[in-house]
Amino acid sequence: MLKPTPQSISITQKTVSTSCENCSKLTEIEGQRVCFENGKIIRLVEDASAIPLLKMYCHAWQRDKNK
C-alpha cells in the first residue's frame, strides 16, 4: 500500500483588490477568501490601514465567465 507523502503548500497573503470580486481565481474556503495563482495559494485580506492604498486591479486578473 502506498503511503501519502506530505506536500509543502506555499501560502502568501495580499490585500483584496476590486477586481477580485469577479475573478475566476477567487474561492472562499471556510470563510476565508483565497486566490489560486500560478500554482500558489494566496490568502486575500482587507486593507486595515487608516488610509488604504488604491489597489484597483490584480496583475493576474482572470474574468469569471460564470458571473
C-alpha atoms as a PDB file:
ATOM      1  CA  MET A   1       0.000   0.000   0.000  1.00  0.00           C
ATOM      2  CA  LEU A   2       1.315   3.440  -0.909  1.00  0.00           C
ATOM      3  CA  LYS A   3       1.754   5.942   1.877  1.00  0.00           C
ATOM      4  CA  PRO A   4       0.710   9.513   1.141  1.00  0.00           C
ATOM      5  CA  THR A   5       3.608  11.918   1.140  1.00  0.00           C
ATOM      6  CA  PRO A   6       3.081  15.382   2.583  1.00  0.00           C
ATOM      7  CA  GLN A   7       3.457  18.223   0.129  1.00  0.00           C
ATOM      8  CA  SER A   8       4.541  21.666   1.164  1.00  0.00           C
ATOM      9  CA  ILE A   9       1.945  24.248   0.237  1.00  0.00           C
ATOM     10  CA  SER A  10       3.119  27.816  -0.091  1.00  0.00           C
ATOM     11  CA  ILE A  11       0.530  30.300   1.179  1.00  0.00           C
ATOM     12  CA  THR A  12       1.169  34.008   0.807  1.00  0.00           C
ATOM     13  CA  GLN A  13      -1.073  36.945   1.651  1.00  0.00           C
ATOM     14  CA  LYS A  14      -2.095  40.130  -0.133  1.00  0.00           C
ATOM     15  CA  THR A  15      -4.857  42.702   0.142  1.00  0.00           C
ATOM     16  CA  VAL A  16      -8.088  42.300  -1.788  1.00  0.00           C
ATOM     17  CA  SER A  17      -8.390  44.353  -4.943  1.00  0.00           C
ATOM     18  CA  THR A  18     -11.651  45.430  -6.530  1.00  0.00           C
ATOM     19  CA  SER A  19     -11.001  43.063  -9.435  1.00  0.00           C
ATOM     20  CA  CYS A  20     -11.155  40.039  -7.076  1.00  0.00           C
ATOM     21  CA  GLU A  21     -14.953  40.090  -6.867  1.00  0.00           C
ATOM     22  CA  ASN A  22     -15.447  38.905 -10.447  1.00  0.00           C
ATOM     23  CA  CYS A  23     -12.303  36.822 -10.934  1.00  0.00           C
ATOM     24  CA  SER A  24     -12.299  33.099 -11.661  1.00  0.00           C
ATOM     25  CA  LYS A  25      -9.287  32.600  -9.362  1.00  0.00           C
ATOM     26  CA  LEU A  26     -11.203  33.744  -6.242  1.00  0.00           C
ATOM     27  CA  THR A  27     -12.527  30.998  -3.956  1.00  0.00           C
ATOM     28  CA  GLU A  28     -13.917  31.073  -0.437  1.00  0.00           C
ATOM     29  CA  ILE A  29     -12.876  28.228   1.873  1.00  0.00           C
ATOM     30  CA  GLU A  30     -14.304  28.118   5.410  1.00  0.00           C
ATOM     31  CA  GLY A  31     -14.996  31.841   5.377  1.00  0.00           C
ATOM     32  CA  GLN A  32     -11.537  32.786   4.066  1.00  0.00           C
ATOM     33  CA  ARG A  33     -11.083  34.281   0.614  1.00  0.00           C
ATOM     34  CA  VAL A  34      -8.206  32.757  -1.342  1.00  0.00           C
ATOM     35  CA  CYS A  35      -6.794  33.137  -4.823  1.00  0.00           C
ATOM     36  CA  PHE A  36      -5.086  30.420  -6.854  1.00  0.00           C
ATOM     37  CA  GLU A  37      -2.324  31.986  -8.939  1.00  0.00           C
ATOM     38  CA  ASN A  38       0.411  30.079 -10.806  1.00  0.00           C
ATOM     39  CA  GLY A  39       0.130  27.024  -8.550  1.00  0.00           C
ATOM     40  CA  LYS A  40       0.212  29.076  -5.352  1.00  0.00           C
ATOM     41  CA  ILE A  41      -2.482  29.793  -2.786  1.00  0.00           C
ATOM     42  CA  ILE A  42      -2.798  33.464  -1.867  1.00  0.00           C
ATOM     43  CA  ARG A  43      -4.856  34.489   1.164  1.00  0.00           C
ATOM     44  CA  LEU A  44      -6.822  37.677   0.489  1.00  0.00           C
ATOM     45  CA  VAL A  45      -7.280  40.091   3.386  1.00  0.00           C
ATOM     46  CA  GLU A  46      -8.858  43.509   3.769  1.00  0.00           C
ATOM     47  CA  ASP A  47      -6.507  46.511   3.985  1.00  0.00           C
ATOM     48  CA  ALA A  48      -6.699  47.551   7.638  1.00  0.00           C
ATOM     49  CA  SER A  49      -4.706  50.792   7.283  1.00  0.00           C
ATOM     50  CA  ALA A  50      -6.375  54.113   8.066  1.00  0.00           C
ATOM     51  CA  ILE A  51      -5.766  55.357   4.537  1.00  0.00           C
ATOM     52  CA  PRO A  52      -5.744  52.262   2.303  1.00  0.00           C
ATOM     53  CA  LEU A  53      -3.633  52.329  -0.810  1.00  0.00           C
ATOM     54  CA  LEU A  54      -5.625  52.258  -4.015  1.00  0.00           C
ATOM     55  CA  LYS A  55      -5.127  48.701  -5.286  1.00  0.00           C
ATOM     56  CA  MET A  56      -7.737  48.553  -8.008  1.00  0.00           C
ATOM     57  CA  TYR A  57      -6.675  45.647 -10.202  1.00  0.00           C
ATOM     58  CA  CYS A  58      -4.687  42.452  -9.830  1.00  0.00           C
ATOM     59  CA  HIS A  59      -1.882  41.836 -12.348  1.00  0.00           C
ATOM     60  CA  ALA A  60      -3.080  38.220 -12.787  1.00  0.00           C
ATOM     61  CA  TRP A  61      -6.806  39.003 -13.040  1.00  0.00           C
ATOM     62  CA  GLN A  62      -8.834  36.433 -14.973  1.00  0.00           C
ATOM     63  CA  ARG A  63     -12.502  37.102 -15.741  1.00  0.00           C
ATOM     64  CA  ASP A  64     -15.034  34.683 -14.252  1.00  0.00           C
ATOM     65  CA  LYS A  65     -17.255  33.555 -17.124  1.00  0.00           C
ATOM     66  CA  ASN A  66     -19.925  32.242 -14.686  1.00  0.00           C
ATOM     67  CA  LYS A  67     -20.774  35.698 -13.312  1.00  0.00           C
END
